[in-house]
Protein backbone atom coordinates (compact mmCIF):
# COMPACT_ATOMS: atom_id res chain seq x y z
CA MET A 1 15.08 -44.58 -32.95
CA THR A 2 14.37 -41.32 -33.17
CA ALA A 3 11.39 -39.81 -31.83
CA SER A 4 8.81 -37.77 -34.78
CA PRO A 5 8.74 -34.62 -34.60
CA VAL A 6 4.91 -34.91 -33.21
CA ARG A 7 5.79 -37.07 -30.20
CA VAL A 8 8.53 -34.40 -29.40
CA ALA A 9 5.95 -31.13 -29.90
CA GLY A 10 3.07 -33.57 -27.72
CA ALA A 11 5.90 -34.22 -25.25
CA ALA A 12 7.02 -30.66 -24.86
CA LEU A 13 3.55 -29.77 -24.81
CA GLY A 14 2.70 -31.48 -21.91
CA VAL A 15 5.83 -30.71 -20.15
CA ALA A 16 4.22 -26.97 -20.43
CA ALA A 17 0.76 -27.67 -19.41
CA ALA A 18 2.24 -29.79 -16.63
CA ALA A 19 4.30 -26.38 -15.37
CA GLY A 20 1.33 -24.27 -15.79
CA ALA A 21 -1.00 -26.33 -13.79
CA ALA A 22 1.44 -26.43 -10.70
CA ALA A 23 2.36 -22.83 -10.90
CA PHE A 24 -1.17 -21.66 -10.82
CA VAL A 25 -1.77 -24.39 -7.62
CA TRP A 26 1.00 -22.34 -6.25
CA GLY A 27 -0.36 -19.65 -7.04
CA VAL A 28 -3.70 -19.96 -5.62
CA ALA A 29 -2.91 -22.72 -2.80
CA VAL A 30 0.84 -21.19 -1.46
CA GLU A 31 2.08 -17.95 -2.54
CA ARG A 32 -0.79 -15.67 -1.75
CA ASN A 33 -1.42 -17.53 1.69
CA ARG A 34 2.75 -17.26 1.95
CA PHE A 35 2.10 -13.99 4.25
CA THR A 36 5.96 -11.65 4.85
CA VAL A 37 7.52 -9.02 6.22
CA ARG A 38 9.95 -6.73 4.15
CA HIS A 39 12.03 -4.32 6.62
CA GLU A 40 13.04 -0.57 5.56
CA THR A 41 15.14 1.85 7.62
CA LEU A 42 15.12 6.12 6.37
CA PRO A 43 17.72 7.86 8.24
CA VAL A 44 15.04 11.14 8.18
CA LEU A 45 14.83 11.96 11.78
CA ALA A 46 16.82 14.36 13.41
CA PRO A 47 20.39 13.85 14.92
CA GLY A 48 20.04 12.01 18.24
CA ALA A 49 15.71 11.15 17.57
CA ARG A 50 14.62 7.89 19.09
CA PRO A 51 13.93 5.51 15.73
CA ILE A 52 9.98 5.36 15.18
CA THR A 53 8.62 1.99 14.04
CA VAL A 54 6.74 2.49 11.24
CA LEU A 55 3.89 -0.89 9.97
CA HIS A 56 2.81 -0.15 6.25
CA LEU A 57 -0.77 -2.21 5.82
CA ALA A 58 -2.15 -2.26 2.47
CA ASP A 59 -4.69 -3.61 0.15
CA LEU A 60 -5.92 -6.14 2.63
CA HIS A 61 -9.15 -6.84 -0.04
CA MET A 62 -10.61 -8.62 2.98
CA ALA A 63 -13.37 -11.27 2.75
CA PRO A 64 -15.16 -11.99 6.00
CA TRP A 65 -14.03 -16.17 5.34
CA GLN A 66 -10.06 -14.98 5.42
CA THR A 67 -9.61 -15.75 8.88
CA ASN A 68 -5.87 -16.99 8.27
CA LYS A 69 -4.89 -13.21 6.80
CA GLN A 70 -6.82 -11.74 9.43
CA GLU A 71 -5.20 -13.36 11.89
CA TRP A 72 -1.50 -12.55 10.76
CA VAL A 73 -2.12 -9.37 10.17
CA ALA A 74 -3.73 -8.81 13.65
CA SER A 75 -0.37 -11.08 15.27
CA LEU A 76 2.22 -8.26 13.66
CA ARG A 77 0.92 -5.85 16.67
CA ALA A 78 3.37 -8.27 19.06
CA ILE A 79 5.66 -9.44 16.33
CA VAL A 80 6.02 -5.97 15.19
CA GLU A 81 5.32 -3.50 18.26
CA PRO A 82 4.81 -0.20 15.71
CA ASP A 83 4.83 2.86 17.37
CA LEU A 84 2.71 3.95 14.00
CA ILE A 85 0.41 2.81 10.82
CA VAL A 86 0.21 3.64 7.69
CA ASN A 87 -2.41 2.28 5.69
CA THR A 88 -2.84 2.64 2.02
CA GLY A 89 -6.37 1.64 1.41
CA ASP A 90 -8.00 -0.57 -0.24
CA ASN A 91 -8.46 -2.46 2.90
CA MET A 92 -12.68 -4.32 1.76
CA GLY A 93 -13.05 -6.74 -0.60
CA HIS A 94 -16.24 -7.94 0.01
CA PRO A 95 -19.66 -6.27 1.05
CA GLU A 96 -19.10 -7.88 4.35
CA GLY A 97 -15.73 -6.91 4.27
CA LEU A 98 -15.74 -4.39 7.25
CA ALA A 99 -16.22 -7.78 9.63
CA GLY A 100 -12.73 -8.84 8.43
CA VAL A 101 -11.05 -5.37 8.38
CA ARG A 102 -12.48 -5.40 12.21
CA ALA A 103 -10.75 -9.40 13.52
CA ALA A 104 -7.20 -7.73 11.69
CA LEU A 105 -6.81 -4.57 12.92
CA ASP A 106 -9.10 -4.72 16.20
CA ALA A 107 -5.08 -5.84 17.58
CA PHE A 108 -4.32 -1.86 16.67
CA ALA A 109 -6.27 0.25 18.47
CA GLY A 110 -4.18 3.03 20.73
CA ILE A 111 -1.69 2.66 18.25
CA PRO A 112 -1.54 6.48 16.51
CA GLY A 113 -2.01 5.75 12.54
CA VAL A 114 -3.29 7.70 9.59
CA PHE A 115 -4.89 6.10 5.68
CA VAL A 116 -6.30 7.05 2.34
CA ASN A 117 -9.13 4.91 0.86
CA GLY A 118 -8.40 2.95 -2.07
CA SER A 119 -11.38 2.16 -4.87
CA ASN A 120 -12.17 -0.86 -3.50
CA ASP A 121 -13.29 1.02 0.07
CA TYR A 122 -15.85 1.97 -2.43
CA TYR A 123 -16.72 -0.49 -4.22
CA GLY A 124 -17.11 -4.50 -4.15
CA PRO A 125 -14.88 -5.92 -6.85
CA GLN A 126 -16.14 -7.43 -10.23
CA ARG A 127 -15.72 -10.33 -12.11
CA LYS A 128 -13.01 -9.57 -14.84
CA ASN A 129 -10.57 -10.98 -17.05
CA PRO A 130 -6.98 -10.61 -15.08
CA LEU A 131 -5.26 -10.28 -18.57
CA GLY A 132 -6.95 -7.69 -19.08
CA TYR A 133 -4.53 -5.39 -16.67
CA PHE A 134 -1.21 -6.05 -19.51
CA LEU A 135 -3.51 -4.27 -21.69
CA SER A 136 -4.27 -0.93 -20.03
CA PRO A 137 -5.15 0.39 -16.28
CA SER A 138 -8.52 -1.12 -14.68
CA ALA A 139 -11.55 0.73 -15.73
CA ARG A 140 -13.85 2.61 -13.38
CA PRO A 141 -16.79 0.03 -12.00
CA ASP A 142 -19.71 0.40 -13.94
CA LYS A 143 -21.97 -2.67 -11.71
CA ALA A 144 -19.86 -2.87 -8.52
CA VAL A 145 -21.55 -3.20 -5.69
CA GLY A 146 -21.61 -0.21 -3.24
CA LEU A 147 -19.32 -0.85 0.23
CA ASP A 148 -20.36 0.86 3.36
CA VAL A 149 -16.79 3.47 3.58
CA ASP A 150 -18.57 5.41 5.92
CA ALA A 151 -18.87 2.81 8.85
CA MET A 152 -14.91 1.66 7.72
CA GLU A 153 -14.18 5.74 8.41
CA ARG A 154 -15.47 5.84 11.67
CA TYR A 155 -14.49 2.43 12.42
CA PHE A 156 -11.05 3.77 11.63
CA GLU A 157 -10.85 7.18 13.54
CA GLU A 158 -13.10 6.35 16.51
CA ASP A 159 -12.65 3.05 17.48
CA LEU A 160 -8.76 3.50 16.45
CA GLY A 161 -7.74 6.63 16.64
CA TRP A 162 -6.44 7.17 13.54
CA LEU A 163 -6.30 10.19 11.33
CA ASP A 164 -8.10 10.35 7.54
CA LEU A 165 -5.54 12.01 5.06
CA ASN A 166 -7.85 11.93 2.41
CA ASN A 167 -7.31 15.22 0.29
CA ALA A 168 -6.08 15.98 3.84
CA ALA A 169 -3.41 17.53 5.94
CA ARG A 170 -2.40 16.37 10.17
CA ALA A 171 0.20 16.42 12.07
CA LEU A 172 1.30 14.67 14.95
CA GLU A 173 4.09 14.20 17.70
CA LEU A 174 5.58 10.92 18.10
CA ARG A 175 8.86 10.09 20.23
CA GLY A 176 9.74 13.14 19.96
CA SER A 177 9.40 13.37 16.69
CA ARG A 178 7.13 15.57 14.30
CA LEU A 179 5.59 14.17 11.71
CA GLU A 180 3.54 16.12 8.96
CA PHE A 181 1.32 14.14 6.93
CA PHE A 182 -0.20 14.92 3.72
CA GLY A 183 -2.41 12.33 1.80
CA VAL A 184 -5.18 11.80 -1.19
CA ASN A 185 -7.94 10.38 -2.22
CA ASP A 186 -7.68 7.40 -4.66
CA ALA A 187 -6.03 8.77 -7.94
CA HIS A 188 -7.05 5.62 -9.46
CA ARG A 189 -10.17 7.29 -9.97
CA SER A 190 -9.00 10.50 -10.29
CA TRP A 191 -10.11 11.43 -6.74
CA ASP A 192 -7.30 12.90 -5.30
CA ARG A 193 -7.45 16.68 -5.20
CA LEU A 194 -3.97 17.69 -5.60
CA ASP A 195 -5.20 21.41 -5.42
CA LEU A 196 -5.97 21.57 -2.36
CA LEU A 197 -3.17 20.41 -0.45
CA PRO A 198 -1.28 23.65 -0.28
CA GLY A 199 -4.80 25.27 1.26
CA ALA A 200 -5.03 22.20 3.89
CA ILE A 201 -1.12 22.12 4.70
CA GLU A 202 -1.36 25.68 5.71
CA GLU A 203 -4.38 25.16 7.67
CA MET A 204 -2.36 22.49 10.10
CA HIS A 205 0.10 24.40 10.25
CA GLU A 206 -2.02 27.11 12.03
CA ASN A 207 -3.09 24.57 13.97
CA VAL A 208 -0.38 23.16 15.02
CA GLY A 209 1.02 26.16 16.31
CA TRP A 210 5.34 24.46 15.47
CA GLN A 211 6.47 27.23 13.99
CA ASP A 212 6.96 29.43 16.86
CA ASP A 213 8.71 26.61 18.92
CA PRO A 214 11.94 26.08 18.20
CA GLY A 215 11.81 22.17 18.57
CA PRO A 216 12.96 19.48 15.74
CA GLU A 217 12.54 20.07 12.27
CA PRO A 218 9.27 18.28 11.52
CA VAL A 219 9.43 14.90 8.58
CA ARG A 220 6.69 15.52 6.02
CA ILE A 221 4.84 12.12 4.48
CA GLY A 222 2.76 11.73 1.68
CA VAL A 223 0.26 9.14 1.65
CA THR A 224 -1.62 7.81 -0.91
CA HIS A 225 -3.13 4.88 -2.51
CA ALA A 226 -2.12 4.88 -6.01
CA PRO A 227 1.37 5.66 -7.00
CA TYR A 228 0.30 7.97 -9.92
CA ARG A 229 3.06 10.29 -11.09
CA ARG A 230 1.36 13.50 -10.77
CA VAL A 231 0.57 12.91 -7.02
CA LEU A 232 3.85 11.41 -5.65
CA ASP A 233 5.52 14.71 -8.05
CA SER A 234 3.12 17.29 -5.96
CA PHE A 235 4.29 15.53 -3.16
CA VAL A 236 7.66 16.10 -3.45
CA THR A 237 7.58 19.69 -4.47
CA HIS A 238 5.46 20.33 -1.08
CA GLY A 239 8.41 18.59 0.46
CA ALA A 240 7.50 15.09 1.43
CA GLU A 241 10.38 13.18 2.77
CA VAL A 242 8.78 10.06 2.85
CA ILE A 243 5.77 8.64 0.35
CA PHE A 244 3.94 5.49 1.04
CA ALA A 245 1.61 3.92 -1.33
CA GLY A 246 0.00 1.11 -2.69
CA HIS A 247 -2.54 0.06 -5.55
CA THR A 248 -0.14 -2.60 -7.29
CA HIS A 249 0.12 -5.41 -5.93
CA GLY A 250 3.75 -5.42 -6.61
CA GLY A 251 2.46 -6.59 -10.73
CA GLN A 252 0.93 -10.02 -8.53
CA VAL A 253 2.56 -12.16 -10.98
CA ARG A 254 6.06 -11.84 -12.05
CA ILE A 255 8.88 -13.63 -13.04
CA PRO A 256 11.50 -14.09 -10.74
CA GLY A 257 14.03 -11.63 -10.78
CA ARG A 258 12.49 -9.30 -13.02
CA PRO A 259 10.16 -6.06 -12.25
CA ALA A 260 7.00 -5.90 -12.34
CA LEU A 261 5.17 -7.02 -15.48
CA VAL A 262 2.11 -4.45 -15.12
CA THR A 263 1.94 -1.39 -12.55
CA ASN A 264 -2.10 -0.55 -13.16
CA CYS A 265 -1.12 2.92 -12.84
CA ASP A 266 1.56 4.78 -14.70
CA ILE A 267 4.41 4.34 -12.04
CA PRO A 268 7.97 3.05 -14.19
CA ARG A 269 7.69 -0.65 -13.70
CA GLU A 270 10.87 -1.28 -11.33
CA GLN A 271 9.65 1.35 -9.03
CA ALA A 272 6.45 -1.02 -8.80
CA GLN A 273 7.82 -2.27 -5.45
CA GLY A 274 9.87 -1.69 -2.85
CA LEU A 275 11.62 1.30 -1.51
CA THR A 276 13.61 3.83 -4.29
CA LEU A 277 13.53 6.97 -4.35
CA TRP A 278 11.41 9.13 -5.99
CA ARG A 279 13.05 12.31 -7.77
CA HIS A 280 11.59 15.33 -9.00
CA ALA A 281 12.18 18.91 -9.70
CA ARG A 282 15.74 18.64 -8.19
CA HIS A 283 14.60 17.32 -4.86
CA ALA A 284 14.04 13.80 -4.24
CA ALA A 285 11.48 11.54 -1.65
CA TYR A 286 11.97 7.88 -0.35
CA LEU A 287 8.86 6.17 -1.81
CA ASN A 288 7.88 3.34 -0.30
CA VAL A 289 5.60 1.02 -2.76
CA SER A 290 3.83 -1.79 -0.93
CA ALA A 291 3.15 -5.25 -3.09
CA GLY A 292 0.28 -5.34 -0.54
CA ILE A 293 -1.76 -8.42 1.76
CA GLY A 294 -4.25 -9.40 -0.74
CA THR A 295 -5.96 -9.63 -3.91
CA SER A 296 -9.06 -9.31 -5.44
CA ILE A 297 -11.31 -12.35 -4.48
CA TYR A 298 -11.84 -13.04 -8.21
CA ALA A 299 -7.98 -13.11 -9.35
CA PRO A 300 -6.68 -15.41 -6.16
CA PHE A 301 -3.63 -15.66 -7.31
CA ARG A 302 0.22 -14.75 -6.57
CA PHE A 303 3.43 -15.69 -8.75
CA ALA A 304 6.94 -14.19 -7.52
CA CYS A 305 5.37 -11.53 -5.86
CA PRO A 306 4.04 -12.84 -1.94
CA PRO A 307 1.87 -10.99 0.00
CA GLU A 308 3.65 -8.46 2.73
CA ALA A 309 3.00 -5.89 5.56
CA VAL A 310 6.17 -2.88 5.33
CA VAL A 311 7.69 -2.42 8.70
CA VAL A 312 9.67 0.85 7.99
CA THR A 313 11.68 2.14 10.59
CA LEU A 314 12.53 6.06 10.76
CA VAL A 315 15.39 6.23 12.32
CA ALA A 316 18.40 10.12 13.01
CA GLY A 317 20.28 10.95 9.70
CA ASP A 318 21.61 13.82 7.98
CA GLY A 319 19.07 14.60 5.62
CA GLU A 320 20.82 13.75 2.75
CA PHE A 321 19.89 11.65 -0.28
């Protein structure tokens, strides 16, 4: 006896519902807590230079009760032994998020670092339909709770000793190599001031005084929270050889083996996570976009896109892409 079409359809719907429920449980209970470390190697330093280990942290979206995440991030100090921290913003995800950020990052005090802000360093998350990201990038928050970004910046600069790159340029010498950084505030909220970069870079050059010293050519590094095309193009125009970004969460919900479904900005979907080359005006830079470590407390779900920190090792190379 053959099954009726109604029974076949009902069975199929039951299987689909069970699979959907299993995927949801996996995404909430397992995937978003399946913290990973991605490793990349970039040959951008001068010949004979000592390697520099960079730990790229992005999108913590920290709430005070997220102790597993805090402990895992703190453990990276001993696991990775970084020479440099690059933090690409969206650190806080709750009005009391700074307490969790401190618990996660206190371990890195004394390690040189640079940072830019994301909008979730200024505003707390709002309840929203996560499916809206498939229609258009997220809008400016209208009823969001303000966060204490000033306290966060003081913590980064005074307690950790990190350099603020929000629409600014700074330089440091590390393990015998010269590094020049320039960055912007959150481009997703149009807080990037690309018009200020030329002056900031020129002022940095005047202050650091490397032009009159016959040392190694500096490596130029761009840092942004949101990897909008206009920002990436500007960074390449200003000589960036490496660019760090976050914001996209790697799509957060993905089809295994496929590019991100959404990016929440205008970067191509195939470049929304991982290491690629960003080309502009016959020049190029290595672009590292992190899938980030956290999620909004109102969308605590990942699928086929586990949270990640990225270890980027800068090594000697010939400067050719």
